[in-house]
Amino acid sequence: MSNTPHELIAEFPAEAGKISALKEADAHFARLVEEYHEVNRAVHRAETRVEPVSPDHETELRKKRGALKDQIWARLTA
């Protein structure tokens, strides 16, 4: 378990410009990015015990973050 935030720019540094451009041009992509950031913040708060949650809920949050990241990557590479 890592307490390091998984910001999209850190996850996909070579795609920073494309992420920014797609957020402006594609409303669906912008929603995916916003949802990713919301879930990522929730995971980080759970990991650092700022907002403790059950282990099962923390696992579900991580799975959701991973699924969103996969969707974002798919859009970036389409």
PDB file of N, CA and C in Angstrom:
ATOM      1  N   MET A   1       0.846  -1.171   0.000  1.00  0.00           N
ATOM      2  CA  MET A   1       0.000   0.000   0.000  1.00  0.00           C
ATOM      3  C   MET A   1       0.889   1.232   0.000  1.00  0.00           C
ATOM      4  N   SER A   2       0.552   2.143  -0.848  1.00  0.00           N
ATOM      5  CA  SER A   2       1.321   3.370  -0.968  1.00  0.00           C
ATOM      6  C   SER A   2       0.450   4.551  -0.582  1.00  0.00           C
ATOM      7  N   ASN A   3       1.031   5.486   0.152  1.00  0.00           N
ATOM      8  CA  ASN A   3       0.295   6.699   0.516  1.00  0.00           C
ATOM      9  C   ASN A   3       0.558   7.819  -0.480  1.00  0.00           C
ATOM     10  N   THR A   4       1.204   7.491  -1.581  1.00  0.00           N
ATOM     11  CA  THR A   4       1.526   8.494  -2.587  1.00  0.00           C
ATOM     12  C   THR A   4       0.311   8.745  -3.460  1.00  0.00           C
ATOM     13  N   PRO A   5      -0.081   9.996  -3.630  1.00  0.00           N
ATOM     14  CA  PRO A   5      -1.209  10.281  -4.517  1.00  0.00           C
ATOM     15  C   PRO A   5      -0.885   9.855  -5.954  1.00  0.00           C
ATOM     16  N   HIS A   6      -1.865   9.328  -6.624  1.00  0.00           N
ATOM     17  CA  HIS A   6      -1.700   8.858  -7.998  1.00  0.00           C
ATOM     18  C   HIS A   6      -2.309   9.877  -8.959  1.00  0.00           C
ATOM     19  N   GLU A   7      -1.741  11.064  -9.008  1.00  0.00           N
ATOM     20  CA  GLU A   7      -2.260  12.097  -9.903  1.00  0.00           C
ATOM     21  C   GLU A   7      -2.032  11.678 -11.354  1.00  0.00           C
ATOM     22  N   LEU A   8      -2.971  12.028 -12.217  1.00  0.00           N
ATOM     23  CA  LEU A   8      -2.888  11.602 -13.618  1.00  0.00           C
ATOM     24  C   LEU A   8      -1.617  12.090 -14.306  1.00  0.00           C
ATOM     25  N   ILE A   9      -1.217  13.297 -14.029  1.00  0.00           N
ATOM     26  CA  ILE A   9      -0.010  13.826 -14.669  1.00  0.00           C
ATOM     27  C   ILE A   9       1.213  13.008 -14.251  1.00  0.00           C
ATOM     28  N   ALA A  10       1.229  12.534 -13.017  1.00  0.00           N
ATOM     29  CA  ALA A  10       2.328  11.682 -12.560  1.00  0.00           C
ATOM     30  C   ALA A  10       2.222  10.281 -13.154  1.00  0.00           C
ATOM     31  N   GLU A  11       1.002   9.818 -13.355  1.00  0.00           N
ATOM     32  CA  GLU A  11       0.784   8.492 -13.930  1.00  0.00           C
ATOM     33  C   GLU A  11       1.125   8.465 -15.416  1.00  0.00           C
ATOM     34  N   PHE A  12       0.788   9.535 -16.129  1.00  0.00           N
ATOM     35  CA  PHE A  12       1.003   9.619 -17.574  1.00  0.00           C
ATOM     36  C   PHE A  12       1.746  10.912 -17.918  1.00  0.00           C
ATOM     37  N   PRO A  13       2.996  11.070 -17.483  1.00  0.00           N
ATOM     38  CA  PRO A  13       3.695  12.350 -17.690  1.00  0.00           C
ATOM     39  C   PRO A  13       3.870  12.720 -19.161  1.00  0.00           C
ATOM     40  N   ALA A  14       4.041  11.743 -20.017  1.00  0.00           N
ATOM     41  CA  ALA A  14       4.230  12.038 -21.441  1.00  0.00           C
ATOM     42  C   ALA A  14       2.929  12.492 -22.111  1.00  0.00           C
ATOM     43  N   GLU A  15       1.816  12.300 -21.439  1.00  0.00           N
ATOM     44  CA  GLU A  15       0.507  12.622 -22.008  1.00  0.00           C
ATOM     45  C   GLU A  15      -0.118  13.877 -21.393  1.00  0.00           C
ATOM     46  N   ALA A  16       0.651  14.639 -20.632  1.00  0.00           N
ATOM     47  CA  ALA A  16       0.107  15.801 -19.928  1.00  0.00           C
ATOM     48  C   ALA A  16      -0.596  16.774 -20.874  1.00  0.00           C
ATOM     49  N   GLY A  17       0.022  17.083 -21.987  1.00  0.00           N
ATOM     50  CA  GLY A  17      -0.589  18.007 -22.946  1.00  0.00           C
ATOM     51  C   GLY A  17      -1.857  17.446 -23.545  1.00  0.00           C
ATOM     52  N   LYS A  18      -1.833  16.156 -23.855  1.00  0.00           N
ATOM     53  CA  LYS A  18      -3.014  15.514 -24.444  1.00  0.00           C
ATOM     54  C   LYS A  18      -4.157  15.460 -23.434  1.00  0.00           C
ATOM     55  N   ILE A  19      -3.846  15.197 -22.171  1.00  0.00           N
ATOM     56  CA  ILE A  19      -4.875  15.182 -21.134  1.00  0.00           C
ATOM     57  C   ILE A  19      -5.551  16.541 -21.071  1.00  0.00           C
ATOM     58  N   SER A  20      -4.755  17.578 -21.038  1.00  0.00           N
ATOM     59  CA  SER A  20      -5.295  18.935 -20.969  1.00  0.00           C
ATOM     60  C   SER A  20      -6.166  19.252 -22.186  1.00  0.00           C
ATOM     61  N   ALA A  21      -5.684  18.916 -23.373  1.00  0.00           N
ATOM     62  CA  ALA A  21      -6.435  19.202 -24.597  1.00  0.00           C
ATOM     63  C   ALA A  21      -7.734  18.413 -24.651  1.00  0.00           C
ATOM     64  N   LEU A  22      -7.680  17.137 -24.270  1.00  0.00           N
ATOM     65  CA  LEU A  22      -8.895  16.323 -24.307  1.00  0.00           C
ATOM     66  C   LEU A  22      -9.924  16.785 -23.278  1.00  0.00           C
ATOM     67  N   LYS A  23      -9.452  17.253 -22.134  1.00  0.00           N
ATOM     68  CA  LYS A  23     -10.393  17.776 -21.131  1.00  0.00           C
ATOM     69  C   LYS A  23     -11.175  18.955 -21.692  1.00  0.00           C
ATOM     70  N   GLU A  24     -10.538  19.759 -22.504  1.00  0.00           N
ATOM     71  CA  GLU A  24     -11.189  20.922 -23.110  1.00  0.00           C
ATOM     72  C   GLU A  24     -12.132  20.529 -24.247  1.00  0.00           C
ATOM     73  N   ALA A  25     -11.749  19.517 -25.007  1.00  0.00           N
ATOM     74  CA  ALA A  25     -12.476  19.180 -26.233  1.00  0.00           C
ATOM     75  C   ALA A  25     -13.520  18.077 -26.061  1.00  0.00           C
ATOM     76  N   ASP A  26     -13.405  17.270 -25.015  1.00  0.00           N
ATOM     77  CA  ASP A  26     -14.237  16.076 -24.882  1.00  0.00           C
ATOM     78  C   ASP A  26     -14.875  16.058 -23.491  1.00  0.00           C
ATOM     79  N   ALA A  27     -16.168  16.336 -23.432  1.00  0.00           N
ATOM     80  CA  ALA A  27     -16.876  16.414 -22.139  1.00  0.00           C
ATOM     81  C   ALA A  27     -16.844  15.078 -21.403  1.00  0.00           C
ATOM     82  N   HIS A  28     -16.962  13.978 -22.128  1.00  0.00           N
ATOM     83  CA  HIS A  28     -16.926  12.663 -21.479  1.00  0.00           C
ATOM     84  C   HIS A  28     -15.554  12.420 -20.843  1.00  0.00           C
ATOM     85  N   PHE A  29     -14.496  12.744 -21.567  1.00  0.00           N
ATOM     86  CA  PHE A  29     -13.151  12.595 -21.032  1.00  0.00           C
ATOM     87  C   PHE A  29     -12.979  13.473 -19.798  1.00  0.00           C
ATOM     88  N   ALA A  30     -13.468  14.698 -19.850  1.00  0.00           N
ATOM     89  CA  ALA A  30     -13.364  15.609 -18.711  1.00  0.00           C
ATOM     90  C   ALA A  30     -14.074  15.020 -17.487  1.00  0.00           C
ATOM     91  N   ARG A  31     -15.230  14.377 -17.698  1.00  0.00           N
ATOM     92  CA  ARG A  31     -15.948  13.751 -16.580  1.00  0.00           C
ATOM     93  C   ARG A  31     -15.152  12.576 -16.018  1.00  0.00           C
ATOM     94  N   LEU A  32     -14.548  11.774 -16.901  1.00  0.00           N
ATOM     95  CA  LEU A  32     -13.713  10.657 -16.437  1.00  0.00           C
ATOM     96  C   LEU A  32     -12.563  11.163 -15.573  1.00  0.00           C
ATOM     97  N   VAL A  33     -11.912  12.228 -16.023  1.00  0.00           N
ATOM     98  CA  VAL A  33     -10.779  12.794 -15.278  1.00  0.00           C
ATOM     99  C   VAL A  33     -11.250  13.324 -13.929  1.00  0.00           C
ATOM    100  N   GLU A  34     -12.362  14.017 -13.900  1.00  0.00           N
ATOM    101  CA  GLU A  34     -12.882  14.553 -12.633  1.00  0.00           C
ATOM    102  C   GLU A  34     -13.244  13.417 -11.681  1.00  0.00           C
ATOM    103  N   GLU A  35     -13.901  12.381 -12.195  1.00  0.00           N
ATOM    104  CA  GLU A  35     -14.257  11.241 -11.346  1.00  0.00           C
ATOM    105  C   GLU A  35     -13.002  10.544 -10.836  1.00  0.00           C
ATOM    106  N   TYR A  36     -11.998  10.405 -11.711  1.00  0.00           N
ATOM    107  CA  TYR A  36     -10.730   9.804 -11.284  1.00  0.00           C
ATOM    108  C   TYR A  36     -10.144  10.601 -10.116  1.00  0.00           C
ATOM    109  N   HIS A  37     -10.122  11.929 -10.254  1.00  0.00           N
ATOM    110  CA  HIS A  37      -9.547  12.758  -9.191  1.00  0.00           C
ATOM    111  C   HIS A  37     -10.343  12.625  -7.888  1.00  0.00           C
ATOM    112  N   GLU A  38     -11.655  12.559  -7.970  1.00  0.00           N
ATOM    113  CA  GLU A  38     -12.481  12.397  -6.772  1.00  0.00           C
ATOM    114  C   GLU A  38     -12.182  11.072  -6.083  1.00  0.00           C
ATOM    115  N   VAL A  39     -12.147   9.989  -6.862  1.00  0.00           N
ATOM    116  CA  VAL A  39     -11.878   8.667  -6.292  1.00  0.00           C
ATOM    117  C   VAL A  39     -10.441   8.605  -5.782  1.00  0.00           C
ATOM    118  N   ASN A  40      -9.507   9.167  -6.523  1.00  0.00           N
ATOM    119  CA  ASN A  40      -8.111   9.173  -6.101  1.00  0.00           C
ATOM    120  C   ASN A  40      -7.941   9.895  -4.764  1.00  0.00           C
ATOM    121  N   ARG A  41      -8.617  11.028  -4.618  1.00  0.00           N
ATOM    122  CA  ARG A  41      -8.550  11.756  -3.341  1.00  0.00           C
ATOM    123  C   ARG A  41      -9.143  10.917  -2.205  1.00  0.00           C
ATOM    124  N   ALA A  42     -10.233  10.206  -2.481  1.00  0.00           N
ATOM    125  CA  ALA A  42     -10.852   9.352  -1.462  1.00  0.00           C
ATOM    126  C   ALA A  42      -9.901   8.222  -1.061  1.00  0.00           C
ATOM    127  N   VAL A  43      -9.226   7.631  -2.033  1.00  0.00           N
ATOM    128  CA  VAL A  43      -8.249   6.571  -1.742  1.00  0.00           C
ATOM    129  C   VAL A  43      -7.127   7.145  -0.879  1.00  0.00           C
ATOM    130  N   HIS A  44      -6.615   8.285  -1.261  1.00  0.00           N
ATOM    131  CA  HIS A  44      -5.514   8.885  -0.501  1.00  0.00           C
ATOM    132  C   HIS A  44      -5.940   9.208   0.935  1.00  0.00           C
ATOM    133  N   ARG A  45      -7.135   9.746   1.103  1.00  0.00           N
ATOM    134  CA  ARG A  45      -7.632  10.040   2.457  1.00  0.00           C
ATOM    135  C   ARG A  45      -7.790   8.758   3.270  1.00  0.00           C
ATOM    136  N   ALA A  46      -8.247   7.685   2.621  1.00  0.00           N
ATOM    137  CA  ALA A  46      -8.392   6.403   3.314  1.00  0.00           C
ATOM    138  C   ALA A  46      -7.023   5.830   3.692  1.00  0.00           C
ATOM    139  N   GLU A  47      -6.073   5.886   2.767  1.00  0.00           N
ATOM    140  CA  GLU A  47      -4.741   5.341   3.032  1.00  0.00           C
ATOM    141  C   GLU A  47      -4.027   6.086   4.148  1.00  0.00           C
ATOM    142  N   THR A  48      -4.216   7.384   4.221  1.00  0.00           N
ATOM    143  CA  THR A  48      -3.534   8.179   5.246  1.00  0.00           C
ATOM    144  C   THR A  48      -4.348   8.271   6.532  1.00  0.00           C
ATOM    145  N   ARG A  49      -5.495   7.622   6.535  1.00  0.00           N
ATOM    146  CA  ARG A  49      -6.399   7.554   7.697  1.00  0.00           C
ATOM    147  C   ARG A  49      -6.988   8.907   8.067  1.00  0.00           C
ATOM    148  N   VAL A  50      -6.994   9.834   7.119  1.00  0.00           N
ATOM    149  CA  VAL A  50      -7.674  11.115   7.328  1.00  0.00           C
ATOM    150  C   VAL A  50      -9.170  10.846   7.409  1.00  0.00           C
ATOM    151  N   GLU A  51      -9.652   9.945   6.547  1.00  0.00           N
ATOM    152  CA  GLU A  51     -11.035   9.478   6.565  1.00  0.00           C
ATOM    153  C   GLU A  51     -11.008   7.960   6.533  1.00  0.00           C
ATOM    154  N   PRO A  52     -10.841   7.329   7.689  1.00  0.00           N
ATOM    155  CA  PRO A  52     -10.748   5.864   7.711  1.00  0.00           C
ATOM    156  C   PRO A  52     -12.015   5.206   7.150  1.00  0.00           C
ATOM    157  N   VAL A  53     -11.806   4.153   6.395  1.00  0.00           N
ATOM    158  CA  VAL A  53     -12.901   3.360   5.849  1.00  0.00           C
ATOM    159  C   VAL A  53     -12.557   1.893   6.080  1.00  0.00           C
ATOM    160  N   SER A  54     -13.524   1.021   5.850  1.00  0.00           N
ATOM    161  CA  SER A  54     -13.270  -0.412   6.006  1.00  0.00           C
ATOM    162  C   SER A  54     -12.289  -0.868   4.932  1.00  0.00           C
ATOM    163  N   PRO A  55     -11.564  -1.930   5.211  1.00  0.00           N
ATOM    164  CA  PRO A  55     -10.643  -2.461   4.204  1.00  0.00           C
ATOM    165  C   PRO A  55     -11.359  -2.813   2.892  1.00  0.00           C
ATOM    166  N   ASP A  56     -12.575  -3.337   2.986  1.00  0.00           N
ATOM    167  CA  ASP A  56     -13.320  -3.680   1.775  1.00  0.00           C
ATOM    168  C   ASP A  56     -13.652  -2.435   0.957  1.00  0.00           C
ATOM    169  N   HIS A  57     -14.055  -1.379   1.627  1.00  0.00           N
ATOM    170  CA  HIS A  57     -14.387  -0.142   0.913  1.00  0.00           C
ATOM    171  C   HIS A  57     -13.132   0.459   0.272  1.00  0.00           C
ATOM    172  N   GLU A  58     -12.026   0.405   0.989  1.00  0.00           N
ATOM    173  CA  GLU A  58     -10.764   0.922   0.435  1.00  0.00           C
ATOM    174  C   GLU A  58     -10.367   0.128  -0.815  1.00  0.00           C
ATOM    175  N   THR A  59     -10.544  -1.184  -0.769  1.00  0.00           N
ATOM    176  CA  THR A  59     -10.256  -2.025  -1.933  1.00  0.00           C
ATOM    177  C   THR A  59     -11.159  -1.658  -3.104  1.00  0.00           C
ATOM    178  N   GLU A  60     -12.430  -1.439  -2.837  1.00  0.00           N
ATOM    179  CA  GLU A  60     -13.365  -1.056  -3.898  1.00  0.00           C
ATOM    180  C   GLU A  60     -12.982   0.293  -4.514  1.00  0.00           C
ATOM    181  N   LEU A  61     -12.573   1.225  -3.674  1.00  0.00           N
ATOM    182  CA  LEU A  61     -12.131   2.519  -4.184  1.00  0.00           C
ATOM    183  C   LEU A  61     -10.919   2.357  -5.098  1.00  0.00           C
ATOM    184  N   ARG A  62      -9.976   1.522  -4.694  1.00  0.00           N
ATOM    185  CA  ARG A  62      -8.791   1.292  -5.522  1.00  0.00           C
ATOM    186  C   ARG A  62      -9.160   0.649  -6.857  1.00  0.00           C
ATOM    187  N   LYS A  63     -10.095  -0.303  -6.814  1.00  0.00           N
ATOM    188  CA  LYS A  63     -10.545  -0.945  -8.060  1.00  0.00           C
ATOM    189  C   LYS A  63     -11.212   0.069  -8.981  1.00  0.00           C
ATOM    190  N   LYS A  64     -12.021   0.938  -8.398  1.00  0.00           N
ATOM    191  CA  LYS A  64     -12.696   1.954  -9.203  1.00  0.00           C
ATOM    192  C   LYS A  64     -11.672   2.902  -9.823  1.00  0.00           C
ATOM    193  N   ARG A  65     -10.678   3.312  -9.019  1.00  0.00           N
ATOM    194  CA  ARG A  65      -9.625   4.187  -9.533  1.00  0.00           C
ATOM    195  C   ARG A  65      -8.897   3.510 -10.690  1.00  0.00           C
ATOM    196  N   GLY A  66      -8.587   2.223 -10.548  1.00  0.00           N
ATOM    197  CA  GLY A  66      -7.907   1.490 -11.607  1.00  0.00           C
ATOM    198  C   GLY A  66      -8.743   1.405 -12.880  1.00  0.00           C
ATOM    199  N   ALA A  67     -10.043   1.169 -12.720  1.00  0.00           N
ATOM    200  CA  ALA A  67     -10.927   1.086 -13.884  1.00  0.00           C
ATOM    201  C   ALA A  67     -11.007   2.435 -14.595  1.00  0.00           C
ATOM    202  N   LEU A  68     -11.097   3.512 -13.828  1.00  0.00           N
ATOM    203  CA  LEU A  68     -11.132   4.846 -14.429  1.00  0.00           C
ATOM    204  C   LEU A  68      -9.822   5.155 -15.144  1.00  0.00           C
ATOM    205  N   LYS A  69      -8.720   4.781 -14.523  1.00  0.00           N
ATOM    206  CA  LYS A  69      -7.406   4.999 -15.150  1.00  0.00           C
ATOM    207  C   LYS A  69      -7.319   4.237 -16.464  1.00  0.00           C
ATOM    208  N   ASP A  70      -7.839   3.004 -16.498  1.00  0.00           N
ATOM    209  CA  ASP A  70      -7.851   2.223 -17.737  1.00  0.00           C
ATOM    210  C   ASP A  70      -8.685   2.908 -18.812  1.00  0.00           C
ATOM    211  N   GLN A  71      -9.841   3.441 -18.440  1.00  0.00           N
ATOM    212  CA  GLN A  71     -10.695   4.141 -19.400  1.00  0.00           C
ATOM    213  C   GLN A  71     -10.008   5.398 -19.936  1.00  0.00           C
ATOM    214  N   ILE A  72      -9.346   6.113 -19.045  1.00  0.00           N
ATOM    215  CA  ILE A  72      -8.636   7.326 -19.455  1.00  0.00           C
ATOM    216  C   ILE A  72      -7.506   6.956 -20.406  1.00  0.00           C
ATOM    217  N   TRP A  73      -6.752   5.910 -20.085  1.00  0.00           N
ATOM    218  CA  TRP A  73      -5.666   5.489 -20.960  1.00  0.00           C
ATOM    219  C   TRP A  73      -6.202   5.076 -22.323  1.00  0.00           C
ATOM    220  N   ALA A  74      -7.318   4.377 -22.340  1.00  0.00           N
ATOM    221  CA  ALA A  74      -7.915   3.959 -23.604  1.00  0.00           C
ATOM    222  C   ALA A  74      -8.267   5.180 -24.469  1.00  0.00           C
ATOM    223  N   ARG A  75      -8.785   6.228 -23.839  1.00  0.00           N
ATOM    224  CA  ARG A  75      -9.119   7.443 -24.590  1.00  0.00           C
ATOM    225  C   ARG A  75      -7.855   8.152 -25.069  1.00  0.00           C
ATOM    226  N   LEU A  76      -6.813   8.128 -24.253  1.00  0.00           N
ATOM    227  CA  LEU A  76      -5.562   8.790 -24.627  1.00  0.00           C
ATOM    228  C   LEU A  76      -4.877   8.100 -25.809  1.00  0.00           C
ATOM    229  N   THR A  77      -5.063   6.793 -25.903  1.00  0.00           N
ATOM    230  CA  THR A  77      -4.371   6.047 -26.945  1.00  0.00           C
ATOM    231  C   THR A  77      -5.270   5.724 -28.142  1.00  0.00           C
ATOM    232  N   ALA A  78      -6.504   6.207 -28.105  1.00  0.00           N
ATOM    233  CA  ALA A  78      -7.450   5.918 -29.211  1.00  0.00           C
ATOM    234  C   ALA A  78      -7.075   6.680 -30.461  1.00  0.00           C
TER     235      ALA A  78
END
